[in-house]
Amino acid sequence: MAEIIQKDGTWVFDGDALRLTPGRDKNVSLLRKELGELTVPLHALAGVSFEQGRKSGRLRLRLRDGADPLLQATGGKLAEPNDPYQLNVESDRYGVAEYLVDEVRNALLLDEVPSGAVDRYLLPGPAVPLSVSAGDGTVTFDGEHIRLEWNWKTEDAKSAAGPRSLAVGDIAAVEWHPAVGLENGYLRFGVRHAPTKTPPKYDPNSVELWGFKKDPLMALVAAAVQARLPHPAAPVTDVPPQRQKEITGPPADNAPPFVEHDHDAQLRRLRELGELHQTGVLTDDEFALAKQAVLKRM
């Protein structure tokens, strides 16, 4: 077993998994404290590194693409203080950090763990229920429904309709962007069959973020929802039956006999599928499956 204990946190490797516990130091970010202890299985890792500095160093884990819903939802936009897969190391513990790196790397080699992308989440995502207030609203997620409530800073055009409730089954995508410079951030839920280019400030399915202390906590909501959506790289066969029926329509075997006037309807269906693909409602795999099903009927 390899273990390193720092003010920033504690990492323990037992040969099968890394247990990451955030420290209690005042400099540890609110997001990491709220996220709590993480257990990262060895097969979710793509690599580990240690960078030395004059006063302190940094341990970094690299996860396999698609393994973690938090990284998937935030798209690599988490700032270093909020990244749970980094650990500040004091100079007198450089040797311990290097030993931990060697142990993890040896385990990856011995177990022949591939470093490539995965087609399912290997970490569960943040625990629910979860409620975060930041920017112009509060988002609550119980694992099945997302509730958005507005505060006095919300634009009237968005708050006029009152609180909003969205079922996970109606969500096509979730986006989280931090505020950068003079540009505000946001948490947006993409609703199936309802793509929009409305700015988050006016979008009733978005919370606008202004760069304050609690903004990163919205990334936890994004990750919790992301963990319950179909994995972006999952085979089409993994799409739930209801979702697959929605995409492809009735199975080709049950389709009515072909008649000439159906041709125009199928062409219209192809155009509709193309539009859904372009707007991001359908993934590449879903679009290919749906297109193939329509072509079989033509």
C-alpha atoms as a PDB file:
ATOM      1  CA  MET A   1       0.000   0.000   0.000  1.00  0.00           C
ATOM      2  CA  ALA A   2       1.175   3.535  -0.797  1.00  0.00           C
ATOM      3  CA  GLU A   3      -0.107   6.567   1.113  1.00  0.00           C
ATOM      4  CA  ILE A   4       0.606  10.278   1.101  1.00  0.00           C
ATOM      5  CA  ILE A   5      -0.930  12.655   3.660  1.00  0.00           C
ATOM      6  CA  GLN A   6      -0.890  16.405   3.001  1.00  0.00           C
ATOM      7  CA  LYS A   7      -2.791  19.501   4.087  1.00  0.00           C
ATOM      8  CA  ASP A   8      -4.390  19.483   0.642  1.00  0.00           C
ATOM      9  CA  GLY A   9      -5.635  15.919   1.064  1.00  0.00           C
ATOM     10  CA  THR A  10      -4.730  12.250   1.418  1.00  0.00           C
ATOM     11  CA  TRP A  11      -4.207   9.715  -1.361  1.00  0.00           C
ATOM     12  CA  VAL A  12      -4.096   5.995  -0.570  1.00  0.00           C
ATOM     13  CA  PHE A  13      -3.395   3.256  -3.137  1.00  0.00           C
ATOM     14  CA  ASP A  14      -4.131  -0.360  -2.202  1.00  0.00           C
ATOM     15  CA  GLY A  15      -3.275  -2.007  -5.507  1.00  0.00           C
ATOM     16  CA  ASP A  16      -6.836  -2.036  -6.831  1.00  0.00           C
ATOM     17  CA  ALA A  17      -7.984   1.548  -6.377  1.00  0.00           C
ATOM     18  CA  LEU A  18      -6.914   5.019  -5.307  1.00  0.00           C
ATOM     19  CA  ARG A  19      -8.845   6.620  -2.457  1.00  0.00           C
ATOM     20  CA  LEU A  20      -8.729  10.417  -2.644  1.00  0.00           C
ATOM     21  CA  THR A  21      -9.775  12.341   0.463  1.00  0.00           C
ATOM     22  CA  PRO A  22      -9.779  16.171   0.430  1.00  0.00           C
ATOM     23  CA  GLY A  23      -7.954  17.911   3.248  1.00  0.00           C
ATOM     24  CA  ARG A  24      -9.510  20.176   5.843  1.00  0.00           C
ATOM     25  CA  ASP A  25      -7.164  23.059   5.187  1.00  0.00           C
ATOM     26  CA  LYS A  26      -8.867  26.413   4.540  1.00  0.00           C
ATOM     27  CA  ASN A  27      -7.282  26.514   1.076  1.00  0.00           C
ATOM     28  CA  VAL A  28      -9.049  23.329  -0.068  1.00  0.00           C
ATOM     29  CA  SER A  29     -11.803  24.309  -2.497  1.00  0.00           C
ATOM     30  CA  LEU A  30     -15.480  24.169  -1.608  1.00  0.00           C
ATOM     31  CA  LEU A  31     -16.164  21.845  -4.547  1.00  0.00           C
ATOM     32  CA  ARG A  32     -13.632  19.253  -3.384  1.00  0.00           C
ATOM     33  CA  LYS A  33     -14.980  19.394   0.173  1.00  0.00           C
ATOM     34  CA  GLU A  34     -18.553  18.915  -1.024  1.00  0.00           C
ATOM     35  CA  LEU A  35     -17.561  16.124  -3.396  1.00  0.00           C
ATOM     36  CA  GLY A  36     -15.916  14.293  -0.515  1.00  0.00           C
ATOM     37  CA  GLU A  37     -13.890  11.095  -0.723  1.00  0.00           C
ATOM     38  CA  LEU A  38     -13.489   9.530  -4.161  1.00  0.00           C
ATOM     39  CA  THR A  39     -12.564   5.935  -4.920  1.00  0.00           C
ATOM     40  CA  VAL A  40     -10.968   5.635  -8.348  1.00  0.00           C
ATOM     41  CA  PRO A  41     -10.660   2.032  -9.580  1.00  0.00           C
ATOM     42  CA  LEU A  42      -7.359   1.123 -11.204  1.00  0.00           C
ATOM     43  CA  HIS A  43      -9.051   0.313 -14.533  1.00  0.00           C
ATOM     44  CA  ALA A  44     -10.369   3.904 -14.715  1.00  0.00           C
ATOM     45  CA  LEU A  45      -6.830   5.331 -14.778  1.00  0.00           C
ATOM     46  CA  ALA A  46      -4.869   6.251 -17.876  1.00  0.00           C
ATOM     47  CA  GLY A  47      -1.806   7.486 -15.991  1.00  0.00           C
ATOM     48  CA  VAL A  48      -0.293   9.341 -13.052  1.00  0.00           C
ATOM     49  CA  SER A  49       2.469  11.912 -12.808  1.00  0.00           C
ATOM     50  CA  PHE A  50       4.346  14.034 -10.278  1.00  0.00           C
ATOM     51  CA  GLU A  51       5.704  17.494 -11.020  1.00  0.00           C
ATOM     52  CA  GLN A  52       8.322  18.956  -8.681  1.00  0.00           C
ATOM     53  CA  GLY A  53       8.595  22.636  -7.896  1.00  0.00           C
ATOM     54  CA  ARG A  54      10.981  24.624  -5.730  1.00  0.00           C
ATOM     55  CA  LYS A  55       8.519  25.014  -2.864  1.00  0.00           C
ATOM     56  CA  SER A  56       5.859  22.437  -3.659  1.00  0.00           C
ATOM     57  CA  GLY A  57       4.970  19.798  -6.184  1.00  0.00           C
ATOM     58  CA  ARG A  58       1.801  18.392  -7.682  1.00  0.00           C
ATOM     59  CA  LEU A  59       0.460  14.882  -8.145  1.00  0.00           C
ATOM     60  CA  ARG A  60      -1.857  14.462 -11.114  1.00  0.00           C
ATOM     61  CA  LEU A  61      -4.103  11.604 -12.120  1.00  0.00           C
ATOM     62  CA  ARG A  62      -5.187  11.176 -15.716  1.00  0.00           C
ATOM     63  CA  LEU A  63      -8.435   9.257 -16.102  1.00  0.00           C
ATOM     64  CA  ARG A  64      -9.477   7.378 -19.192  1.00  0.00           C
ATOM     65  CA  ASP A  65     -11.717   9.454 -21.449  1.00  0.00           C
ATOM     66  CA  GLY A  66     -15.359   8.930 -20.546  1.00  0.00           C
ATOM     67  CA  ALA A  67     -14.665   7.249 -17.190  1.00  0.00           C
ATOM     68  CA  ASP A  68     -15.881  10.061 -14.937  1.00  0.00           C
ATOM     69  CA  PRO A  69     -19.188  11.944 -15.316  1.00  0.00           C
ATOM     70  CA  LEU A  70     -17.693  14.987 -13.544  1.00  0.00           C
ATOM     71  CA  LEU A  71     -14.943  15.359 -16.141  1.00  0.00           C
ATOM     72  CA  GLN A  72     -17.439  14.593 -18.903  1.00  0.00           C
ATOM     73  CA  ALA A  73     -19.845  17.292 -17.726  1.00  0.00           C
ATOM     74  CA  THR A  74     -17.192  19.958 -17.185  1.00  0.00           C
ATOM     75  CA  GLY A  75     -15.193  19.223 -20.336  1.00  0.00           C
ATOM     76  CA  GLY A  76     -11.818  19.869 -18.708  1.00  0.00           C
ATOM     77  CA  LYS A  77     -12.864  23.362 -17.610  1.00  0.00           C
ATOM     78  CA  LEU A  78     -12.410  22.832 -13.855  1.00  0.00           C
ATOM     79  CA  ALA A  79      -9.774  25.194 -12.487  1.00  0.00           C
ATOM     80  CA  GLU A  80      -6.800  23.536 -10.739  1.00  0.00           C
ATOM     81  CA  PRO A  81      -7.989  24.269  -7.170  1.00  0.00           C
ATOM     82  CA  ASN A  82     -11.275  22.469  -7.954  1.00  0.00           C
ATOM     83  CA  ASP A  83      -9.764  19.464  -9.715  1.00  0.00           C
ATOM     84  CA  PRO A  84     -10.133  16.440  -7.376  1.00  0.00           C
ATOM     85  CA  TYR A  85      -7.496  14.545  -9.364  1.00  0.00           C
ATOM     86  CA  GLN A  86      -4.647  16.848  -8.341  1.00  0.00           C
ATOM     87  CA  LEU A  87      -2.837  17.057  -4.998  1.00  0.00           C
ATOM     88  CA  ASN A  88      -0.406  19.704  -3.757  1.00  0.00           C
ATOM     89  CA  VAL A  89       2.687  18.063  -2.262  1.00  0.00           C
ATOM     90  CA  GLU A  90       5.071  19.745   0.185  1.00  0.00           C
ATOM     91  CA  SER A  91       8.760  19.537  -0.684  1.00  0.00           C
ATOM     92  CA  ASP A  92       9.624  17.213   2.213  1.00  0.00           C
ATOM     93  CA  ARG A  93       7.221  14.588   0.803  1.00  0.00           C
ATOM     94  CA  TYR A  94       8.583  14.406  -2.747  1.00  0.00           C
ATOM     95  CA  GLY A  95       9.991  10.930  -2.134  1.00  0.00           C
ATOM     96  CA  VAL A  96       6.627   9.641  -0.912  1.00  0.00           C
ATOM     97  CA  ALA A  97       4.883  11.125  -3.960  1.00  0.00           C
ATOM     98  CA  GLU A  98       7.355   9.469  -6.328  1.00  0.00           C
ATOM     99  CA  TYR A  99       6.880   6.133  -4.553  1.00  0.00           C
ATOM    100  CA  LEU A 100       3.095   6.373  -4.971  1.00  0.00           C
ATOM    101  CA  VAL A 101       3.527   7.163  -8.681  1.00  0.00           C
ATOM    102  CA  ASP A 102       5.789   4.121  -9.137  1.00  0.00           C
ATOM    103  CA  GLU A 103       3.299   1.853  -7.343  1.00  0.00           C
ATOM    104  CA  VAL A 104       0.365   3.012  -9.475  1.00  0.00           C
ATOM    105  CA  ARG A 105       2.344   2.765 -12.717  1.00  0.00           C
ATOM    106  CA  ASN A 106       3.557  -0.739 -11.868  1.00  0.00           C
ATOM    107  CA  ALA A 107      -0.012  -1.833 -11.115  1.00  0.00           C
ATOM    108  CA  LEU A 108      -1.214  -0.413 -14.442  1.00  0.00           C
ATOM    109  CA  LEU A 109       1.498  -2.373 -16.246  1.00  0.00           C
ATOM    110  CA  LEU A 110       0.924  -5.622 -14.356  1.00  0.00           C
ATOM    111  CA  ASP A 111      -2.844  -5.490 -14.863  1.00  0.00           C
ATOM    112  CA  GLU A 112      -2.365  -4.394 -18.489  1.00  0.00           C
ATOM    113  CA  VAL A 113      -4.900  -1.607 -18.043  1.00  0.00           C
ATOM    114  CA  PRO A 114      -5.538   0.100 -21.408  1.00  0.00           C
ATOM    115  CA  SER A 115      -5.311   3.885 -21.511  1.00  0.00           C
ATOM    116  CA  GLY A 116      -7.956   4.357 -24.185  1.00  0.00           C
ATOM    117  CA  ALA A 117     -11.473   5.735 -23.870  1.00  0.00           C
ATOM    118  CA  VAL A 118     -14.322   3.775 -22.283  1.00  0.00           C
ATOM    119  CA  ASP A 119     -17.982   3.482 -23.259  1.00  0.00           C
ATOM    120  CA  ARG A 120     -19.450   3.528 -19.749  1.00  0.00           C
ATOM    121  CA  TYR A 121     -18.876   5.511 -16.585  1.00  0.00           C
ATOM    122  CA  LEU A 122     -16.476   3.844 -14.150  1.00  0.00           C
ATOM    123  CA  LEU A 123     -17.185   6.326 -11.342  1.00  0.00           C
ATOM    124  CA  PRO A 124     -20.704   6.904  -9.995  1.00  0.00           C
ATOM    125  CA  GLY A 125     -20.865  10.692  -9.947  1.00  0.00           C
ATOM    126  CA  PRO A 126     -21.839  12.902  -6.962  1.00  0.00           C
ATOM    127  CA  ALA A 127     -24.364  11.571  -4.459  1.00  0.00           C
ATOM    128  CA  VAL A 128     -27.974  12.759  -4.583  1.00  0.00           C
ATOM    129  CA  PRO A 129     -30.146  14.463  -3.445  1.00  0.00           C
ATOM    130  CA  LEU A 130     -28.173  17.572  -4.236  1.00  0.00           C
ATOM    131  CA  SER A 131     -29.105  21.258  -4.041  1.00  0.00           C
ATOM    132  CA  VAL A 132     -26.949  24.233  -5.035  1.00  0.00           C
ATOM    133  CA  SER A 133     -27.690  27.964  -5.002  1.00  0.00           C
ATOM    134  CA  ALA A 134     -25.490  30.170  -7.168  1.00  0.00           C
ATOM    135  CA  GLY A 135     -25.840  32.848  -9.804  1.00  0.00           C
ATOM    136  CA  ASP A 136     -29.472  33.600 -10.595  1.00  0.00           C
ATOM    137  CA  GLY A 137     -31.044  30.433  -9.222  1.00  0.00           C
ATOM    138  CA  THR A 138     -31.122  27.236  -7.197  1.00  0.00           C
ATOM    139  CA  VAL A 139     -30.936  23.763  -8.740  1.00  0.00           C
ATOM    140  CA  THR A 140     -32.132  20.696  -6.853  1.00  0.00           C
ATOM    141  CA  PHE A 141     -31.665  17.164  -8.172  1.00  0.00           C
ATOM    142  CA  ASP A 142     -33.077  14.018  -6.563  1.00  0.00           C
ATOM    143  CA  GLY A 143     -31.827  11.515  -9.140  1.00  0.00           C
ATOM    144  CA  GLU A 144     -35.000  11.630 -11.242  1.00  0.00           C
ATOM    145  CA  HIS A 145     -36.100  15.264 -11.468  1.00  0.00           C
ATOM    146  CA  ILE A 146     -34.295  18.588 -11.756  1.00  0.00           C
ATOM    147  CA  ARG A 147     -35.963  21.594 -10.144  1.00  0.00           C
ATOM    148  CA  LEU A 148     -34.902  25.139 -11.014  1.00  0.00           C
ATOM    149  CA  GLU A 149     -35.962  28.018  -8.776  1.00  0.00           C
ATOM    150  CA  TRP A 150     -35.129  31.681  -9.314  1.00  0.00           C
ATOM    151  CA  ASN A 151     -33.957  34.485  -7.035  1.00  0.00           C
ATOM    152  CA  TRP A 152     -34.379  38.248  -7.048  1.00  0.00           C
ATOM    153  CA  LYS A 153     -31.453  38.644  -9.454  1.00  0.00           C
ATOM    154  CA  THR A 154     -33.101  36.578 -12.208  1.00  0.00           C
ATOM    155  CA  GLU A 155     -34.264  38.364 -15.349  1.00  0.00           C
ATOM    156  CA  ASP A 156     -38.043  38.848 -15.376  1.00  0.00           C
ATOM    157  CA  ALA A 157     -38.357  37.134 -18.752  1.00  0.00           C
ATOM    158  CA  LYS A 158     -36.984  33.923 -17.230  1.00  0.00           C
ATOM    159  CA  SER A 159     -38.545  34.027 -13.783  1.00  0.00           C
ATOM    160  CA  ALA A 160     -42.058  34.931 -14.917  1.00  0.00           C
ATOM    161  CA  ALA A 161     -43.067  31.287 -15.421  1.00  0.00           C
ATOM    162  CA  GLY A 162     -41.947  30.400 -11.895  1.00  0.00           C
ATOM    163  CA  PRO A 163     -40.019  27.282 -10.774  1.00  0.00           C
ATOM    164  CA  ARG A 164     -39.271  24.684 -13.450  1.00  0.00           C
ATOM    165  CA  SER A 165     -39.158  20.888 -13.157  1.00  0.00           C
ATOM    166  CA  LEU A 166     -37.417  18.638 -15.690  1.00  0.00           C
ATOM    167  CA  ALA A 167     -37.387  14.838 -15.738  1.00  0.00           C
ATOM    168  CA  VAL A 168     -34.048  13.174 -16.446  1.00  0.00           C
ATOM    169  CA  GLY A 169     -35.698  11.272 -19.299  1.00  0.00           C
ATOM    170  CA  ASP A 170     -36.359  14.587 -21.049  1.00  0.00           C
ATOM    171  CA  ILE A 171     -32.731  15.737 -20.854  1.00  0.00           C
ATOM    172  CA  ALA A 172     -30.596  15.326 -23.974  1.00  0.00           C
ATOM    173  CA  ALA A 173     -27.439  17.020 -22.661  1.00  0.00           C
ATOM    174  CA  VAL A 174     -26.024  19.006 -19.773  1.00  0.00           C
ATOM    175  CA  GLU A 175     -23.429  21.778 -20.084  1.00  0.00           C
ATOM    176  CA  TRP A 176     -21.407  23.554 -17.423  1.00  0.00           C
ATOM    177  CA  HIS A 177     -19.114  26.483 -18.178  1.00  0.00           C
ATOM    178  CA  PRO A 178     -17.321  28.589 -15.558  1.00  0.00           C
ATOM    179  CA  ALA A 179     -17.249  32.360 -15.659  1.00  0.00           C
ATOM    180  CA  VAL A 180     -14.048  33.538 -17.351  1.00  0.00           C
ATOM    181  CA  GLY A 181     -12.970  37.155 -17.190  1.00  0.00           C
ATOM    182  CA  LEU A 182     -15.918  39.354 -18.153  1.00  0.00           C
ATOM    183  CA  GLU A 183     -17.828  36.394 -19.632  1.00  0.00           C
ATOM    184  CA  ASN A 184     -20.421  34.816 -17.364  1.00  0.00           C
ATOM    185  CA  GLY A 185     -20.676  31.059 -16.936  1.00  0.00           C
ATOM    186  CA  TYR A 186     -23.732  28.847 -16.870  1.00  0.00           C
ATOM    187  CA  LEU A 187     -25.298  25.476 -16.181  1.00  0.00           C
ATOM    188  CA  ARG A 188     -27.650  24.526 -19.017  1.00  0.00           C
ATOM    189  CA  PHE A 189     -29.932  21.506 -19.443  1.00  0.00           C
ATOM    190  CA  GLY A 190     -30.611  20.645 -23.058  1.00  0.00           C
ATOM    191  CA  VAL A 191     -34.207  19.438 -23.356  1.00  0.00           C
ATOM    192  CA  ARG A 192     -34.909  16.731 -25.918  1.00  0.00           C
ATOM    193  CA  HIS A 193     -36.476  18.028 -29.161  1.00  0.00           C
ATOM    194  CA  ALA A 194     -36.204  21.622 -27.915  1.00  0.00           C
ATOM    195  CA  PRO A 195     -32.790  22.988 -28.961  1.00  0.00           C
ATOM    196  CA  THR A 196     -32.262  26.654 -28.174  1.00  0.00           C
ATOM    197  CA  LYS A 197     -29.727  29.401 -28.746  1.00  0.00           C
ATOM    198  CA  THR A 198     -31.247  31.628 -26.074  1.00  0.00           C
ATOM    199  CA  PRO A 199     -28.552  33.129 -23.802  1.00  0.00           C
ATOM    200  CA  PRO A 200     -28.487  31.517 -20.317  1.00  0.00           C
ATOM    201  CA  LYS A 201     -29.573  34.848 -18.878  1.00  0.00           C
ATOM    202  CA  TYR A 202     -33.011  34.324 -20.485  1.00  0.00           C
ATOM    203  CA  ASP A 203     -33.134  30.523 -20.900  1.00  0.00           C
ATOM    204  CA  PRO A 204     -35.508  28.931 -18.318  1.00  0.00           C
ATOM    205  CA  ASN A 205     -33.480  25.705 -18.537  1.00  0.00           C
ATOM    206  CA  SER A 206     -30.241  27.447 -17.532  1.00  0.00           C
ATOM    207  CA  VAL A 207     -28.678  29.035 -14.482  1.00  0.00           C
ATOM    208  CA  GLU A 208     -26.371  31.968 -15.208  1.00  0.00           C
ATOM    209  CA  LEU A 209     -23.146  32.067 -13.152  1.00  0.00           C
ATOM    210  CA  TRP A 210     -21.170  35.195 -12.331  1.00  0.00           C
ATOM    211  CA  GLY A 211     -17.896  33.853 -11.013  1.00  0.00           C
ATOM    212  CA  PHE A 212     -18.644  33.739  -7.290  1.00  0.00           C
ATOM    213  CA  LYS A 213     -17.433  31.207  -4.719  1.00  0.00           C
ATOM    214  CA  LYS A 214     -20.313  28.739  -5.052  1.00  0.00           C
ATOM    215  CA  ASP A 215     -20.315  28.634  -8.870  1.00  0.00           C
ATOM    216  CA  PRO A 216     -18.144  25.478  -9.102  1.00  0.00           C
ATOM    217  CA  LEU A 217     -20.713  23.567  -7.019  1.00  0.00           C
ATOM    218  CA  MET A 218     -23.039  23.692 -10.024  1.00  0.00           C
ATOM    219  CA  ALA A 219     -20.534  21.343 -11.670  1.00  0.00           C
ATOM    220  CA  LEU A 220     -21.564  18.716  -9.102  1.00  0.00           C
ATOM    221  CA  VAL A 221     -25.194  18.991 -10.249  1.00  0.00           C
ATOM    222  CA  ALA A 222     -24.055  18.734 -13.861  1.00  0.00           C
ATOM    223  CA  ALA A 223     -22.051  15.593 -13.050  1.00  0.00           C
ATOM    224  CA  ALA A 224     -24.891  13.966 -11.097  1.00  0.00           C
ATOM    225  CA  VAL A 225     -27.241  14.457 -14.054  1.00  0.00           C
ATOM    226  CA  GLN A 226     -24.566  13.404 -16.562  1.00  0.00           C
ATOM    227  CA  ALA A 227     -24.078  10.120 -14.697  1.00  0.00           C
ATOM    228  CA  ARG A 228     -27.741   9.276 -15.351  1.00  0.00           C
ATOM    229  CA  LEU A 229     -27.730  10.078 -19.080  1.00  0.00           C
ATOM    230  CA  PRO A 230     -26.687   7.556 -21.747  1.00  0.00           C
ATOM    231  CA  HIS A 231     -22.902   7.492 -22.074  1.00  0.00           C
ATOM    232  CA  PRO A 232     -21.823   9.473 -25.175  1.00  0.00           C
ATOM    233  CA  ALA A 233     -19.697   6.550 -26.387  1.00  0.00           C
ATOM    234  CA  ALA A 234     -22.109   3.746 -25.469  1.00  0.00           C
ATOM    235  CA  PRO A 235     -23.092   1.333 -28.255  1.00  0.00           C
ATOM    236  CA  VAL A 236     -26.511   2.046 -29.687  1.00  0.00           C
ATOM    237  CA  THR A 237     -27.726  -1.242 -28.225  1.00  0.00           C
ATOM    238  CA  ASP A 238     -27.282   0.335 -24.767  1.00  0.00           C
ATOM    239  CA  VAL A 239     -29.922   2.980 -25.526  1.00  0.00           C
ATOM    240  CA  PRO A 240     -33.032   2.327 -23.386  1.00  0.00           C
ATOM    241  CA  PRO A 241     -35.899   0.719 -25.404  1.00  0.00           C
ATOM    242  CA  GLN A 242     -38.136   3.784 -25.049  1.00  0.00           C
ATOM    243  CA  ARG A 243     -35.330   6.050 -26.291  1.00  0.00           C
ATOM    244  CA  GLN A 244     -34.497   3.689 -29.192  1.00  0.00           C
ATOM    245  CA  LYS A 245     -38.169   3.569 -30.246  1.00  0.00           C
ATOM    246  CA  GLU A 246     -38.263   7.358 -30.146  1.00  0.00           C
ATOM    247  CA  ILE A 247     -35.215   7.562 -32.416  1.00  0.00           C
ATOM    248  CA  THR A 248     -35.961   4.874 -34.967  1.00  0.00           C
ATOM    249  CA  GLY A 249     -39.733   4.521 -34.920  1.00  0.00           C
ATOM    250  CA  PRO A 250     -41.326   1.048 -35.235  1.00  0.00           C
ATOM    251  CA  PRO A 251     -38.967  -1.834 -36.139  1.00  0.00           C
ATOM    252  CA  ALA A 252     -38.544  -2.373 -39.869  1.00  0.00           C
ATOM    253  CA  ASP A 253     -40.092  -5.864 -39.623  1.00  0.00           C
ATOM    254  CA  ASN A 254     -43.351  -4.314 -38.402  1.00  0.00           C
ATOM    255  CA  ALA A 255     -43.441  -1.565 -41.001  1.00  0.00           C
ATOM    256  CA  PRO A 256     -46.443  -1.519 -43.342  1.00  0.00           C
ATOM    257  CA  PRO A 257     -45.910  -2.736 -46.925  1.00  0.00           C
ATOM    258  CA  PHE A 258     -44.181  -0.157 -49.047  1.00  0.00           C
ATOM    259  CA  VAL A 259     -46.348   2.007 -51.236  1.00  0.00           C
ATOM    260  CA  GLU A 260     -45.173   4.747 -53.517  1.00  0.00           C
ATOM    261  CA  HIS A 261     -46.529   7.720 -51.509  1.00  0.00           C
ATOM    262  CA  ASP A 262     -44.490   6.584 -48.457  1.00  0.00           C
ATOM    263  CA  HIS A 263     -41.338   7.708 -50.256  1.00  0.00           C
ATOM    264  CA  ASP A 264     -41.937  11.405 -49.544  1.00  0.00           C
ATOM    265  CA  ALA A 265     -42.652  10.650 -45.882  1.00  0.00           C
ATOM    266  CA  GLN A 266     -39.387   8.752 -45.541  1.00  0.00           C
ATOM    267  CA  LEU A 267     -37.471  11.609 -47.170  1.00  0.00           C
ATOM    268  CA  ARG A 268     -39.053  13.999 -44.688  1.00  0.00           C
ATOM    269  CA  ARG A 269     -38.039  11.668 -41.865  1.00  0.00           C
ATOM    270  CA  LEU A 270     -34.435  11.673 -43.106  1.00  0.00           C
ATOM    271  CA  ARG A 271     -34.416  15.476 -43.155  1.00  0.00           C
ATOM    272  CA  GLU A 272     -35.820  15.564 -39.617  1.00  0.00           C
ATOM    273  CA  LEU A 273     -33.164  13.142 -38.399  1.00  0.00           C
ATOM    274  CA  GLY A 274     -30.464  15.248 -40.054  1.00  0.00           C
ATOM    275  CA  GLU A 275     -31.716  18.349 -38.231  1.00  0.00           C
ATOM    276  CA  LEU A 276     -31.806  16.501 -34.878  1.00  0.00           C
ATOM    277  CA  HIS A 277     -28.240  15.293 -35.493  1.00  0.00           C
ATOM    278  CA  GLN A 278     -26.985  18.785 -36.391  1.00  0.00           C
ATOM    279  CA  THR A 279     -28.536  20.320 -33.264  1.00  0.00           C
ATOM    280  CA  GLY A 280     -26.984  17.649 -31.039  1.00  0.00           C
ATOM    281  CA  VAL A 281     -30.211  15.921 -30.017  1.00  0.00           C
ATOM    282  CA  LEU A 282     -28.996  12.695 -31.685  1.00  0.00           C
ATOM    283  CA  THR A 283     -25.475  11.353 -31.241  1.00  0.00           C
ATOM    284  CA  ASP A 284     -23.504  10.080 -34.262  1.00  0.00           C
ATOM    285  CA  ASP A 285     -24.366   6.470 -33.415  1.00  0.00           C
ATOM    286  CA  GLU A 286     -28.047   7.231 -32.846  1.00  0.00           C
ATOM    287  CA  PHE A 287     -28.240   9.133 -36.148  1.00  0.00           C
ATOM    288  CA  ALA A 288     -26.557   6.279 -38.051  1.00  0.00           C
ATOM    289  CA  LEU A 289     -28.971   3.713 -36.561  1.00  0.00           C
ATOM    290  CA  ALA A 290     -32.043   5.828 -37.280  1.00  0.00           C
ATOM    291  CA  LYS A 291     -30.909   6.618 -40.833  1.00  0.00           C
ATOM    292  CA  GLN A 292     -30.294   2.942 -41.554  1.00  0.00           C
ATOM    293  CA  ALA A 293     -33.777   2.031 -40.255  1.00  0.00           C
ATOM    294  CA  VAL A 294     -35.427   4.615 -42.509  1.00  0.00           C
ATOM    295  CA  LEU A 295     -33.437   3.554 -45.574  1.00  0.00           C
ATOM    296  CA  LYS A 296     -34.541  -0.044 -45.091  1.00  0.00           C
ATOM    297  CA  ARG A 297     -38.149   1.074 -45.469  1.00  0.00           C
ATOM    298  CA  MET A 298     -37.528   3.014 -48.677  1.00  0.00           C
END
